[in-house]
Amino acid sequence: MINLLLQVWGGLFYLLNKVFFSRAERSKNSQGKQKSRFWAWAFYLIGVPAWVIVLVSGRNWIAAAIETGGAPAMLVGLINARRGQGHAPLWLDHFAKLALAVGLGLSLYDFGGLTSLSQVLELGMASGFLMGTYLLSKDKPHGYFWLMLGNITCAGLMGIQGHWLLLAEQTISLGFVFDAYWVQRRRLKIRSNN
């Protein structure tokens, strides 16, 4: 029952994050984009605790550390959405990188090396979500490409571990991330042609 509650909590808020990222890209003015980005980052942060608990319970050390380490990048995004680029503290970046190293080390120790499909999926999820959130927090467009990688590998990991609600959420989220990426690419192409 608790596992189901955690899946609903984490899945709902991560899905809302992707919905608001898509909404930000479709916004016609900078104020609407800024507001949608703020809510996207806020929803992301609200979902983190549930995801970390689910991942730790499945011994997904890399992914759990990335979610924990991704929180500072999410805070950077939230601060930048509220105050503008360049106002977030530098120590948040360092904490995110440290969490990745700790998660990788724990996983390699726990499993005796890189020995399972779940670890490979975790690495894809880790690189996708960490790079995606980091790049999007800096307002870099190719962050969406990385988030797609994270969604695909996370969906695979949730599927093999029987977390069906999170598998569904990741699949639906992928559609919103692709939409945000597509809208952004189209807008950049129009700008470059003018």
C-alpha atoms as a PDB file:
ATOM      1  CA  MET A   1       0.000   0.000   0.000  1.00  0.00           C
ATOM      2  CA  ILE A   2       2.805   2.426   0.890  1.00  0.00           C
ATOM      3  CA  ASN A   3       4.611   1.527  -2.344  1.00  0.00           C
ATOM      4  CA  LEU A   4       1.462   2.368  -4.320  1.00  0.00           C
ATOM      5  CA  LEU A   5       1.085   5.690  -2.477  1.00  0.00           C
ATOM      6  CA  LEU A   6       4.734   6.548  -3.212  1.00  0.00           C
ATOM      7  CA  GLN A   7       4.243   5.700  -6.903  1.00  0.00           C
ATOM      8  CA  VAL A   8       1.190   7.972  -7.105  1.00  0.00           C
ATOM      9  CA  TRP A   9       2.976  10.795  -5.259  1.00  0.00           C
ATOM     10  CA  GLY A  10       6.217  10.620  -7.222  1.00  0.00           C
ATOM     11  CA  GLY A  11       4.578   9.876 -10.549  1.00  0.00           C
ATOM     12  CA  LEU A  12       1.977  12.633 -10.307  1.00  0.00           C
ATOM     13  CA  PHE A  13       4.425  15.400  -9.441  1.00  0.00           C
ATOM     14  CA  TYR A  14       7.016  14.303 -12.019  1.00  0.00           C
ATOM     15  CA  LEU A  15       4.282  14.201 -14.648  1.00  0.00           C
ATOM     16  CA  LEU A  16       3.147  17.708 -13.649  1.00  0.00           C
ATOM     17  CA  ASN A  17       6.773  18.802 -14.033  1.00  0.00           C
ATOM     18  CA  LYS A  18       6.802  17.640 -17.660  1.00  0.00           C
ATOM     19  CA  VAL A  19       3.370  19.154 -18.354  1.00  0.00           C
ATOM     20  CA  PHE A  20       4.580  22.555 -17.135  1.00  0.00           C
ATOM     21  CA  PHE A  21       7.848  22.318 -19.095  1.00  0.00           C
ATOM     22  CA  SER A  22       5.771  21.682 -22.212  1.00  0.00           C
ATOM     23  CA  ARG A  23       3.491  24.553 -21.258  1.00  0.00           C
ATOM     24  CA  ALA A  24       6.496  26.859 -20.790  1.00  0.00           C
ATOM     25  CA  GLU A  25       7.718  26.105 -24.309  1.00  0.00           C
ATOM     26  CA  ARG A  26       4.255  26.790 -25.726  1.00  0.00           C
ATOM     27  CA  SER A  27       3.931  30.078 -23.842  1.00  0.00           C
ATOM     28  CA  LYS A  28       3.575  33.164 -26.030  1.00  0.00           C
ATOM     29  CA  ASN A  29       5.284  35.581 -23.620  1.00  0.00           C
ATOM     30  CA  SER A  30       8.252  35.557 -21.257  1.00  0.00           C
ATOM     31  CA  GLN A  31       6.102  36.042 -18.149  1.00  0.00           C
ATOM     32  CA  GLY A  32       4.024  32.938 -18.950  1.00  0.00           C
ATOM     33  CA  LYS A  33       7.167  30.966 -19.729  1.00  0.00           C
ATOM     34  CA  GLN A  34       8.810  32.042 -16.467  1.00  0.00           C
ATOM     35  CA  LYS A  35       5.720  31.164 -14.415  1.00  0.00           C
ATOM     36  CA  SER A  36       5.358  27.741 -16.051  1.00  0.00           C
ATOM     37  CA  ARG A  37       9.062  26.995 -15.539  1.00  0.00           C
ATOM     38  CA  PHE A  38       8.767  27.966 -11.881  1.00  0.00           C
ATOM     39  CA  TRP A  39       5.898  25.515 -11.371  1.00  0.00           C
ATOM     40  CA  ALA A  40       7.719  22.822 -13.369  1.00  0.00           C
ATOM     41  CA  TRP A  41      10.711  23.016 -11.025  1.00  0.00           C
ATOM     42  CA  ALA A  42       8.505  23.229  -7.902  1.00  0.00           C
ATOM     43  CA  PHE A  43       6.561  20.092  -8.868  1.00  0.00           C
ATOM     44  CA  TYR A  44       9.820  18.289  -9.629  1.00  0.00           C
ATOM     45  CA  LEU A  45      11.095  19.020  -6.117  1.00  0.00           C
ATOM     46  CA  ILE A  46       7.847  17.888  -4.473  1.00  0.00           C
ATOM     47  CA  GLY A  47       8.136  14.505  -6.218  1.00  0.00           C
ATOM     48  CA  VAL A  48      11.775  13.842  -5.280  1.00  0.00           C
ATOM     49  CA  PRO A  49      11.255  12.273  -1.809  1.00  0.00           C
ATOM     50  CA  ALA A  50       8.821   9.648  -3.106  1.00  0.00           C
ATOM     51  CA  TRP A  51      11.107   8.706  -5.991  1.00  0.00           C
ATOM     52  CA  VAL A  52      14.141   8.402  -3.719  1.00  0.00           C
ATOM     53  CA  ILE A  53      12.278   6.073  -1.346  1.00  0.00           C
ATOM     54  CA  VAL A  54      11.046   3.867  -4.220  1.00  0.00           C
ATOM     55  CA  LEU A  55      14.534   3.715  -5.754  1.00  0.00           C
ATOM     56  CA  VAL A  56      16.326   2.948  -2.484  1.00  0.00           C
ATOM     57  CA  SER A  57      13.817   0.190  -1.692  1.00  0.00           C
ATOM     58  CA  GLY A  58      14.757  -1.425  -5.022  1.00  0.00           C
ATOM     59  CA  ARG A  59      18.518  -1.049  -4.353  1.00  0.00           C
ATOM     60  CA  ASN A  60      18.762   1.395  -7.276  1.00  0.00           C
ATOM     61  CA  TRP A  61      21.646   3.310  -5.695  1.00  0.00           C
ATOM     62  CA  ILE A  62      22.752   5.203  -8.802  1.00  0.00           C
ATOM     63  CA  ALA A  63      19.236   6.403  -9.589  1.00  0.00           C
ATOM     64  CA  ALA A  64      18.497   7.280  -5.940  1.00  0.00           C
ATOM     65  CA  ALA A  65      21.693   9.304  -5.703  1.00  0.00           C
ATOM     66  CA  ILE A  66      20.869  11.048  -8.978  1.00  0.00           C
ATOM     67  CA  GLU A  67      17.430  11.994  -7.723  1.00  0.00           C
ATOM     68  CA  THR A  68      19.023  13.312  -4.534  1.00  0.00           C
ATOM     69  CA  GLY A  69      21.816  14.993  -6.483  1.00  0.00           C
ATOM     70  CA  GLY A  70      19.312  16.321  -8.997  1.00  0.00           C
ATOM     71  CA  ALA A  71      17.520  18.265  -6.271  1.00  0.00           C
ATOM     72  CA  PRO A  72      20.221  20.986  -6.247  1.00  0.00           C
ATOM     73  CA  ALA A  73      19.925  21.302 -10.044  1.00  0.00           C
ATOM     74  CA  MET A  74      16.157  21.565  -9.583  1.00  0.00           C
ATOM     75  CA  LEU A  75      16.711  24.284  -6.986  1.00  0.00           C
ATOM     76  CA  VAL A  76      18.969  26.097  -9.470  1.00  0.00           C
ATOM     77  CA  GLY A  77      16.149  25.896 -12.020  1.00  0.00           C
ATOM     78  CA  LEU A  78      13.598  27.138  -9.482  1.00  0.00           C
ATOM     79  CA  ILE A  79      15.818  30.047  -8.424  1.00  0.00           C
ATOM     80  CA  ASN A  80      16.605  30.943 -12.039  1.00  0.00           C
ATOM     81  CA  ALA A  81      12.900  30.776 -12.967  1.00  0.00           C
ATOM     82  CA  ARG A  82      12.092  33.140 -10.105  1.00  0.00           C
ATOM     83  CA  ARG A  83      15.044  35.553 -10.223  1.00  0.00           C
ATOM     84  CA  GLY A  84      16.606  35.085 -13.648  1.00  0.00           C
ATOM     85  CA  GLN A  85      19.716  33.248 -14.840  1.00  0.00           C
ATOM     86  CA  GLY A  86      22.890  33.367 -12.761  1.00  0.00           C
ATOM     87  CA  HIS A  87      21.418  33.899  -9.278  1.00  0.00           C
ATOM     88  CA  ALA A  88      21.779  30.348  -7.928  1.00  0.00           C
ATOM     89  CA  PRO A  89      24.669  29.440  -5.573  1.00  0.00           C
ATOM     90  CA  LEU A  90      27.628  27.567  -7.080  1.00  0.00           C
ATOM     91  CA  TRP A  91      27.740  24.990  -4.262  1.00  0.00           C
ATOM     92  CA  LEU A  92      24.500  23.438  -5.589  1.00  0.00           C
ATOM     93  CA  ASP A  93      26.335  22.333  -8.755  1.00  0.00           C
ATOM     94  CA  HIS A  94      29.111  20.751  -6.690  1.00  0.00           C
ATOM     95  CA  PHE A  95      26.635  18.873  -4.497  1.00  0.00           C
ATOM     96  CA  ALA A  96      24.895  17.395  -7.557  1.00  0.00           C
ATOM     97  CA  LYS A  97      28.205  16.080  -8.935  1.00  0.00           C
ATOM     98  CA  LEU A  98      29.180  14.598  -5.554  1.00  0.00           C
ATOM     99  CA  ALA A  99      25.852  12.753  -5.305  1.00  0.00           C
ATOM    100  CA  LEU A 100      26.444  11.141  -8.700  1.00  0.00           C
ATOM    101  CA  ALA A 101      29.874   9.857  -7.633  1.00  0.00           C
ATOM    102  CA  VAL A 102      28.485   8.515  -4.336  1.00  0.00           C
ATOM    103  CA  GLY A 103      25.582   6.758  -6.093  1.00  0.00           C
ATOM    104  CA  LEU A 104      27.838   5.129  -8.663  1.00  0.00           C
ATOM    105  CA  GLY A 105      30.233   3.993  -5.924  1.00  0.00           C
ATOM    106  CA  LEU A 106      27.414   2.504  -3.818  1.00  0.00           C
ATOM    107  CA  SER A 107      26.009   0.632  -6.792  1.00  0.00           C
ATOM    108  CA  LEU A 108      29.365  -0.802  -7.853  1.00  0.00           C
ATOM    109  CA  TYR A 109      30.062  -1.861  -4.253  1.00  0.00           C
ATOM    110  CA  ASP A 110      26.601  -3.347  -3.638  1.00  0.00           C
ATOM    111  CA  PHE A 111      26.500  -5.344  -6.884  1.00  0.00           C
ATOM    112  CA  GLY A 112      30.239  -6.143  -7.077  1.00  0.00           C
ATOM    113  CA  GLY A 113      30.719  -4.139 -10.281  1.00  0.00           C
ATOM    114  CA  LEU A 114      28.496  -3.366 -13.256  1.00  0.00           C
ATOM    115  CA  THR A 115      26.692  -6.711 -13.333  1.00  0.00           C
ATOM    116  CA  SER A 116      22.984  -6.182 -13.943  1.00  0.00           C
ATOM    117  CA  LEU A 117      20.573  -4.763 -16.504  1.00  0.00           C
ATOM    118  CA  SER A 118      19.071  -2.565 -13.787  1.00  0.00           C
ATOM    119  CA  GLN A 119      22.473  -0.883 -13.297  1.00  0.00           C
ATOM    120  CA  VAL A 120      22.771  -0.187 -17.038  1.00  0.00           C
ATOM    121  CA  LEU A 121      19.263   1.310 -17.016  1.00  0.00           C
ATOM    122  CA  GLU A 122      20.186   3.322 -13.928  1.00  0.00           C
ATOM    123  CA  LEU A 123      23.219   4.738 -15.741  1.00  0.00           C
ATOM    124  CA  GLY A 124      21.000   5.785 -18.662  1.00  0.00           C
ATOM    125  CA  MET A 125      18.500   7.259 -16.241  1.00  0.00           C
ATOM    126  CA  ALA A 126      21.261   8.965 -14.278  1.00  0.00           C
ATOM    127  CA  SER A 127      22.922  10.565 -17.267  1.00  0.00           C
ATOM    128  CA  GLY A 128      19.586  11.529 -18.822  1.00  0.00           C
ATOM    129  CA  PHE A 129      18.014  13.111 -15.772  1.00  0.00           C
ATOM    130  CA  LEU A 130      21.152  14.678 -14.348  1.00  0.00           C
ATOM    131  CA  MET A 131      22.241  16.224 -17.635  1.00  0.00           C
ATOM    132  CA  GLY A 132      18.656  17.109 -18.548  1.00  0.00           C
ATOM    133  CA  THR A 133      17.832  18.876 -15.302  1.00  0.00           C
ATOM    134  CA  TYR A 134      21.240  20.547 -15.188  1.00  0.00           C
ATOM    135  CA  LEU A 135      20.996  21.860 -18.775  1.00  0.00           C
ATOM    136  CA  LEU A 136      17.371  22.950 -18.389  1.00  0.00           C
ATOM    137  CA  SER A 137      18.199  24.730 -15.132  1.00  0.00           C
ATOM    138  CA  LYS A 138      20.690  26.741 -17.201  1.00  0.00           C
ATOM    139  CA  ASP A 139      17.998  27.268 -19.896  1.00  0.00           C
ATOM    140  CA  LYS A 140      19.850  25.116 -22.459  1.00  0.00           C
ATOM    141  CA  PRO A 141      17.515  23.624 -25.106  1.00  0.00           C
ATOM    142  CA  HIS A 142      19.211  20.236 -25.514  1.00  0.00           C
ATOM    143  CA  GLY A 143      18.289  19.385 -21.916  1.00  0.00           C
ATOM    144  CA  TYR A 144      15.032  17.971 -23.296  1.00  0.00           C
ATOM    145  CA  PHE A 145      16.948  15.426 -25.392  1.00  0.00           C
ATOM    146  CA  TRP A 146      18.665  14.189 -22.232  1.00  0.00           C
ATOM    147  CA  LEU A 147      15.351  14.059 -20.347  1.00  0.00           C
ATOM    148  CA  MET A 148      13.968  11.801 -23.104  1.00  0.00           C
ATOM    149  CA  LEU A 149      16.862   9.391 -22.539  1.00  0.00           C
ATOM    150  CA  GLY A 150      16.142   9.499 -18.804  1.00  0.00           C
ATOM    151  CA  ASN A 151      12.415   8.840 -19.329  1.00  0.00           C
ATOM    152  CA  ILE A 152      13.024   5.859 -21.627  1.00  0.00           C
ATOM    153  CA  THR A 153      15.571   4.154 -19.373  1.00  0.00           C
ATOM    154  CA  CYS A 154      13.592   4.944 -16.214  1.00  0.00           C
ATOM    155  CA  ALA A 155      10.467   3.446 -17.797  1.00  0.00           C
ATOM    156  CA  GLY A 156      12.455   0.291 -18.529  1.00  0.00           C
ATOM    157  CA  LEU A 157      13.782   0.114 -14.963  1.00  0.00           C
ATOM    158  CA  MET A 158      10.331   0.668 -13.447  1.00  0.00           C
ATOM    159  CA  GLY A 159       8.908  -2.003 -15.769  1.00  0.00           C
ATOM    160  CA  ILE A 160      11.401  -4.719 -14.825  1.00  0.00           C
ATOM    161  CA  GLN A 161      10.901  -3.924 -11.130  1.00  0.00           C
ATOM    162  CA  GLY A 162       7.097  -4.043 -11.332  1.00  0.00           C
ATOM    163  CA  HIS A 163       6.350  -0.375 -10.615  1.00  0.00           C
ATOM    164  CA  TRP A 164       3.579  -0.172 -13.208  1.00  0.00           C
ATOM    165  CA  LEU A 165       2.248   3.264 -12.252  1.00  0.00           C
ATOM    166  CA  LEU A 166       5.714   4.779 -12.559  1.00  0.00           C
ATOM    167  CA  LEU A 167       6.221   2.977 -15.879  1.00  0.00           C
ATOM    168  CA  ALA A 168       2.979   4.561 -17.137  1.00  0.00           C
ATOM    169  CA  GLU A 169       3.965   7.981 -15.757  1.00  0.00           C
ATOM    170  CA  GLN A 170       7.366   7.849 -17.446  1.00  0.00           C
ATOM    171  CA  THR A 171       5.768   6.857 -20.753  1.00  0.00           C
ATOM    172  CA  ILE A 172       3.232   9.706 -20.585  1.00  0.00           C
ATOM    173  CA  SER A 173       5.959  12.125 -19.435  1.00  0.00           C
ATOM    174  CA  LEU A 174       8.029  11.195 -22.469  1.00  0.00           C
ATOM    175  CA  GLY A 175       5.249  12.586 -24.673  1.00  0.00           C
ATOM    176  CA  PHE A 176       5.302  15.938 -22.864  1.00  0.00           C
ATOM    177  CA  VAL A 177       9.105  16.129 -22.955  1.00  0.00           C
ATOM    178  CA  PHE A 178       9.059  15.356 -26.688  1.00  0.00           C
ATOM    179  CA  ASP A 179       6.413  18.056 -27.177  1.00  0.00           C
ATOM    180  CA  ALA A 180       8.518  20.645 -25.311  1.00  0.00           C
ATOM    181  CA  TYR A 181      11.599  19.635 -27.311  1.00  0.00           C
ATOM    182  CA  TRP A 182       9.707  19.780 -30.632  1.00  0.00           C
ATOM    183  CA  VAL A 183       8.158  23.199 -29.907  1.00  0.00           C
ATOM    184  CA  GLN A 184      11.495  24.598 -28.831  1.00  0.00           C
ATOM    185  CA  ARG A 185      13.328  23.239 -31.891  1.00  0.00           C
ATOM    186  CA  ARG A 186      10.641  24.648 -34.196  1.00  0.00           C
ATOM    187  CA  ARG A 187      10.860  28.069 -32.521  1.00  0.00           C
ATOM    188  CA  LEU A 188      14.681  28.079 -32.802  1.00  0.00           C
ATOM    189  CA  LYS A 189      14.447  27.104 -36.479  1.00  0.00           C
ATOM    190  CA  ILE A 190      12.018  29.959 -37.182  1.00  0.00           C
ATOM    191  CA  ARG A 191      14.345  32.420 -35.411  1.00  0.00           C
ATOM    192  CA  SER A 192      17.374  31.237 -37.385  1.00  0.00           C
ATOM    193  CA  ASN A 193      15.495  31.631 -40.670  1.00  0.00           C
ATOM    194  CA  ASN A 194      14.525  35.248 -39.878  1.00  0.00           C
END
